[in-house]
Amino acid sequence: MLKIWRVTLDDPVHLDPPRLAALDQQEHQRWQSLRKALDARRYAAAHTALRSILASELACSPGDIQYSQNDWGKPFLERGPAFSLSHSGPLALIAVQADLPLGVDIELHSKETSPDWFTDCWSPAELRRMHQPLNAAQALRLWVRKEAVLKAVGRGLHLPMSQVVLPLGESQRLRAISHCEGQNTLWHLYDLDAGAGALAALASRQLYSADELRLVDWSPRG
């Protein structure tokens, strides 16, 4: 079973001094560099939550966790599970998997969302299969799936979204192919019910049944 933790970021307990003290220098610098106070608080909350969840998995203290980074800035653990964090507005999703890489993404859908924002995301194969324009919700759904794959690949937006090819129809079992440095990789995709107004997806090399994916609310209050 794979747990995906859903975290509400506006709980002030996330920002208790002992939790903030567990953040490393890079996390502190990023937190303090954010100009909007709300963005800064939510960034810190997401990263204190991530450390708490990983510490529980590894049976250690949050401050004992030391991240390494790949060449594109993605954090990982030298000795530990793969993990992925995404946050949008007041919500975050955190996924942890023992062996294979994975990626998770969440985005809030609003009235301002426009399909025009996503015109550079589509591969030639996808464009050929688009027989009619996508509405904003459809485009954002595909964006979230692609973003989850990019996080799993480990390059984020350093790899163009057009290098991830998705099925455009809705089906029970979704797959995507990423094209990176001449290598094609198959990913299994799972849409997640993250709550009203939010679209979310998980990408993994591992095939899961619906019963093996569990979305769990996590709180710093225990």
Protein backbone atom coordinates (compact mmCIF):
# COMPACT_ATOMS: atom_id res chain seq x y z
CA MET A 1 0.00 0.00 0.00
CA LEU A 2 1.17 3.51 -0.80
CA LYS A 3 0.12 6.36 1.47
CA ILE A 4 -0.14 9.89 0.17
CA TRP A 5 -0.40 12.44 2.96
CA ARG A 6 -2.61 15.50 2.53
CA VAL A 7 -1.51 18.41 4.70
CA THR A 8 -3.37 21.62 5.52
CA LEU A 9 -0.64 24.24 5.63
CA ASP A 10 -2.34 27.07 7.54
CA ASP A 11 -2.23 25.33 10.93
CA PRO A 12 0.14 27.52 13.01
CA VAL A 13 1.54 24.45 14.79
CA HIS A 14 3.61 23.79 11.65
CA LEU A 15 5.62 26.89 12.57
CA ASP A 16 6.40 26.03 16.19
CA PRO A 17 10.06 26.92 16.90
CA PRO A 18 11.27 23.29 17.32
CA ARG A 19 9.81 22.39 13.91
CA LEU A 20 11.38 25.40 12.21
CA ALA A 21 14.71 24.65 13.87
CA ALA A 22 14.78 21.29 12.06
CA LEU A 23 14.95 22.99 8.63
CA ASP A 24 18.38 23.08 7.04
CA GLN A 25 20.21 26.17 5.81
CA GLN A 26 18.90 25.94 2.26
CA GLU A 27 15.30 25.57 3.46
CA HIS A 28 15.75 28.56 5.76
CA GLN A 29 17.16 30.66 2.92
CA ARG A 30 14.32 29.76 0.58
CA TRP A 31 11.72 30.41 3.28
CA GLN A 32 13.16 33.81 4.14
CA SER A 33 13.55 34.82 0.48
CA LEU A 34 9.83 34.62 -0.25
CA ARG A 35 8.38 38.12 -0.33
CA LYS A 36 4.78 37.31 0.49
CA ALA A 37 4.33 36.35 4.14
CA LEU A 38 1.60 33.81 3.35
CA ASP A 39 3.77 32.07 0.74
CA ALA A 40 6.67 31.96 3.20
CA ARG A 41 4.54 30.46 5.97
CA ARG A 42 3.12 27.82 3.66
CA TYR A 43 6.55 26.93 2.30
CA ALA A 44 7.89 26.46 5.83
CA ALA A 45 4.81 24.48 6.84
CA ALA A 46 5.14 22.12 3.86
CA HIS A 47 8.80 21.45 4.59
CA THR A 48 8.39 20.94 8.33
CA ALA A 49 5.58 18.48 7.51
CA LEU A 50 7.80 16.65 5.02
CA ARG A 51 10.56 16.31 7.60
CA SER A 52 8.12 15.02 10.21
CA ILE A 53 6.70 12.40 7.84
CA LEU A 54 10.14 11.25 6.68
CA ALA A 55 11.36 11.14 10.29
CA SER A 56 8.44 8.87 11.16
CA GLU A 57 9.32 6.59 8.24
CA LEU A 58 13.01 6.49 9.18
CA ALA A 59 12.56 6.42 12.98
CA CYS A 60 14.72 9.50 13.51
CA SER A 61 14.32 13.16 14.42
CA PRO A 62 13.23 15.66 11.74
CA GLY A 63 16.46 17.59 12.15
CA ASP A 64 18.54 14.46 11.51
CA ILE A 65 17.35 14.22 7.91
CA GLN A 66 19.99 15.35 5.44
CA TYR A 67 19.01 15.89 1.83
CA SER A 68 21.24 15.51 -1.19
CA GLN A 69 20.39 17.08 -4.55
CA ASN A 70 20.67 15.84 -8.09
CA ASP A 71 22.06 18.00 -10.90
CA TRP A 72 18.66 19.68 -11.37
CA GLY A 73 18.09 20.56 -7.72
CA LYS A 74 15.73 17.72 -6.78
CA PRO A 75 16.27 16.69 -3.14
CA PHE A 76 16.67 13.03 -2.28
CA LEU A 77 17.91 10.82 0.53
CA GLU A 78 21.17 8.91 0.05
CA ARG A 79 19.87 6.18 2.33
CA GLY A 80 16.13 6.23 2.50
CA PRO A 81 12.92 6.10 0.52
CA ALA A 82 12.00 8.13 -2.53
CA PHE A 83 9.66 11.01 -1.75
CA SER A 84 7.81 13.81 -3.48
CA LEU A 85 6.25 17.02 -2.17
CA SER A 86 3.85 19.37 -3.91
CA HIS A 87 1.88 22.28 -2.50
CA SER A 88 -0.62 24.73 -3.89
CA GLY A 89 -2.45 27.32 -1.84
CA PRO A 90 -3.30 25.90 1.60
CA LEU A 91 -2.79 22.24 0.63
CA ALA A 92 0.22 19.97 0.25
CA LEU A 93 0.62 16.36 -0.81
CA ILE A 94 3.53 14.21 0.29
CA ALA A 95 4.22 10.73 -1.10
CA VAL A 96 6.90 8.31 0.10
CA GLN A 97 7.85 5.08 -1.68
CA ALA A 98 10.49 2.57 -0.66
CA ASP A 99 12.42 1.91 -3.85
CA LEU A 100 11.24 3.27 -7.19
CA PRO A 101 11.05 7.00 -8.01
CA LEU A 102 7.71 8.77 -7.84
CA GLY A 103 6.26 12.22 -8.28
CA VAL A 104 3.16 13.94 -6.97
CA ASP A 105 1.55 17.22 -8.00
CA ILE A 106 -1.40 19.27 -6.79
CA GLU A 107 -2.83 22.44 -8.30
CA LEU A 108 -5.82 24.55 -7.32
CA HIS A 109 -8.36 25.20 -10.06
CA SER A 110 -9.84 28.70 -10.14
CA LYS A 111 -12.00 30.79 -12.44
CA GLU A 112 -8.85 32.56 -13.63
CA THR A 113 -7.33 29.32 -14.99
CA SER A 114 -7.09 29.56 -18.77
CA PRO A 115 -6.30 26.82 -21.32
CA ASP A 116 -4.06 29.38 -23.04
CA TRP A 117 -1.56 28.96 -20.19
CA PHE A 118 -0.76 25.44 -21.35
CA THR A 119 -0.20 25.84 -25.09
CA ASP A 120 3.53 25.00 -24.88
CA CYS A 121 2.93 21.81 -22.90
CA TRP A 122 1.71 19.51 -25.63
CA SER A 123 3.79 17.12 -27.69
CA PRO A 124 3.23 16.82 -31.46
CA ALA A 125 1.56 13.45 -30.87
CA GLU A 126 -0.85 15.00 -28.36
CA LEU A 127 -1.66 17.91 -30.66
CA ARG A 128 -2.52 15.51 -33.47
CA ARG A 129 -5.00 13.76 -31.17
CA MET A 130 -6.69 16.95 -29.95
CA HIS A 131 -9.76 17.04 -32.17
CA GLN A 132 -11.23 19.96 -30.24
CA PRO A 133 -9.82 22.60 -27.87
CA LEU A 134 -9.43 21.68 -24.22
CA ASN A 135 -11.29 23.63 -21.57
CA ALA A 136 -9.40 24.99 -18.56
CA ALA A 137 -10.17 22.04 -16.27
CA GLN A 138 -9.11 19.49 -18.90
CA ALA A 139 -5.87 21.35 -19.61
CA LEU A 140 -5.05 21.68 -15.92
CA ARG A 141 -5.74 17.97 -15.37
CA LEU A 142 -3.20 17.08 -18.06
CA TRP A 143 -0.73 19.62 -16.67
CA VAL A 144 -0.94 18.04 -13.21
CA ARG A 145 -0.31 14.58 -14.64
CA LYS A 146 2.69 15.82 -16.62
CA GLU A 147 4.09 17.70 -13.63
CA ALA A 148 3.88 14.51 -11.54
CA VAL A 149 5.89 12.68 -14.21
CA LEU A 150 8.51 15.44 -14.39
CA LYS A 151 8.95 15.27 -10.62
CA ALA A 152 9.34 11.51 -10.81
CA VAL A 153 11.94 11.84 -13.58
CA GLY A 154 13.82 14.19 -11.26
CA ARG A 155 14.28 17.15 -13.57
CA GLY A 156 11.17 19.20 -12.91
CA LEU A 157 10.63 21.88 -15.53
CA HIS A 158 14.23 21.51 -16.75
CA LEU A 159 12.66 18.85 -18.98
CA PRO A 160 10.06 20.43 -21.30
CA MET A 161 6.52 19.24 -20.65
CA SER A 162 6.21 18.38 -24.33
CA GLN A 163 8.66 15.53 -23.62
CA VAL A 164 5.98 13.79 -21.54
CA VAL A 165 3.29 12.16 -23.67
CA LEU A 166 -0.08 11.37 -22.11
CA PRO A 167 -3.23 9.59 -23.20
CA LEU A 168 -5.82 12.29 -23.78
CA GLY A 169 -8.92 10.26 -22.96
CA GLU A 170 -10.15 9.25 -19.54
CA SER A 171 -9.44 5.62 -18.67
CA GLN A 172 -9.19 3.52 -15.55
CA ARG A 173 -5.49 2.87 -16.06
CA LEU A 174 -3.41 5.86 -17.17
CA ARG A 175 0.14 5.73 -18.46
CA ALA A 176 2.64 8.28 -19.68
CA ILE A 177 5.94 8.10 -21.52
CA SER A 178 8.78 10.50 -20.75
CA HIS A 179 11.47 11.19 -23.36
CA CYS A 180 14.80 12.17 -21.79
CA GLU A 181 18.28 11.96 -23.35
CA GLY A 182 17.16 9.36 -25.87
CA GLN A 183 15.53 7.15 -23.24
CA ASN A 184 11.81 6.44 -23.14
CA THR A 185 10.37 5.58 -19.73
CA LEU A 186 6.89 4.27 -18.97
CA TRP A 187 5.11 5.76 -15.95
CA HIS A 188 1.89 4.72 -14.29
CA LEU A 189 -0.40 7.65 -13.48
CA TYR A 190 -3.03 7.94 -10.78
CA ASP A 191 -5.49 10.80 -10.35
CA LEU A 192 -5.95 11.70 -6.68
CA ASP A 193 -9.00 13.15 -4.96
CA ALA A 194 -7.32 15.96 -3.04
CA GLY A 195 -10.52 17.86 -2.23
CA ALA A 196 -12.85 20.41 -3.78
CA GLY A 197 -11.14 22.80 -6.17
CA ALA A 198 -7.90 20.81 -6.32
CA LEU A 199 -6.53 18.55 -9.03
CA ALA A 200 -3.78 16.10 -8.14
CA ALA A 201 -1.89 13.17 -9.63
CA LEU A 202 0.78 10.64 -8.74
CA ALA A 203 3.34 9.16 -11.15
CA SER A 204 5.28 6.00 -10.33
CA ARG A 205 7.10 3.16 -12.04
CA GLN A 206 5.13 0.91 -9.71
CA LEU A 207 1.71 -0.37 -10.76
CA TYR A 208 -0.87 -0.02 -7.98
CA SER A 209 -4.48 -1.08 -7.76
CA ALA A 210 -7.06 1.42 -6.52
CA ASP A 211 -7.11 -0.38 -3.16
CA GLU A 212 -3.36 0.06 -2.77
CA LEU A 213 -3.44 3.87 -2.89
CA ARG A 214 -4.57 5.64 0.25
CA LEU A 215 -4.89 9.39 0.73
CA VAL A 216 -4.42 10.20 4.42
CA ASP A 217 -4.86 13.53 6.20
CA TRP A 218 -1.79 14.44 8.24
CA SER A 219 -1.69 17.01 11.03
CA PRO A 220 1.23 18.31 13.11
CA ARG A 221 -1.05 17.90 16.11
CA GLY A 222 -0.88 14.11 15.78
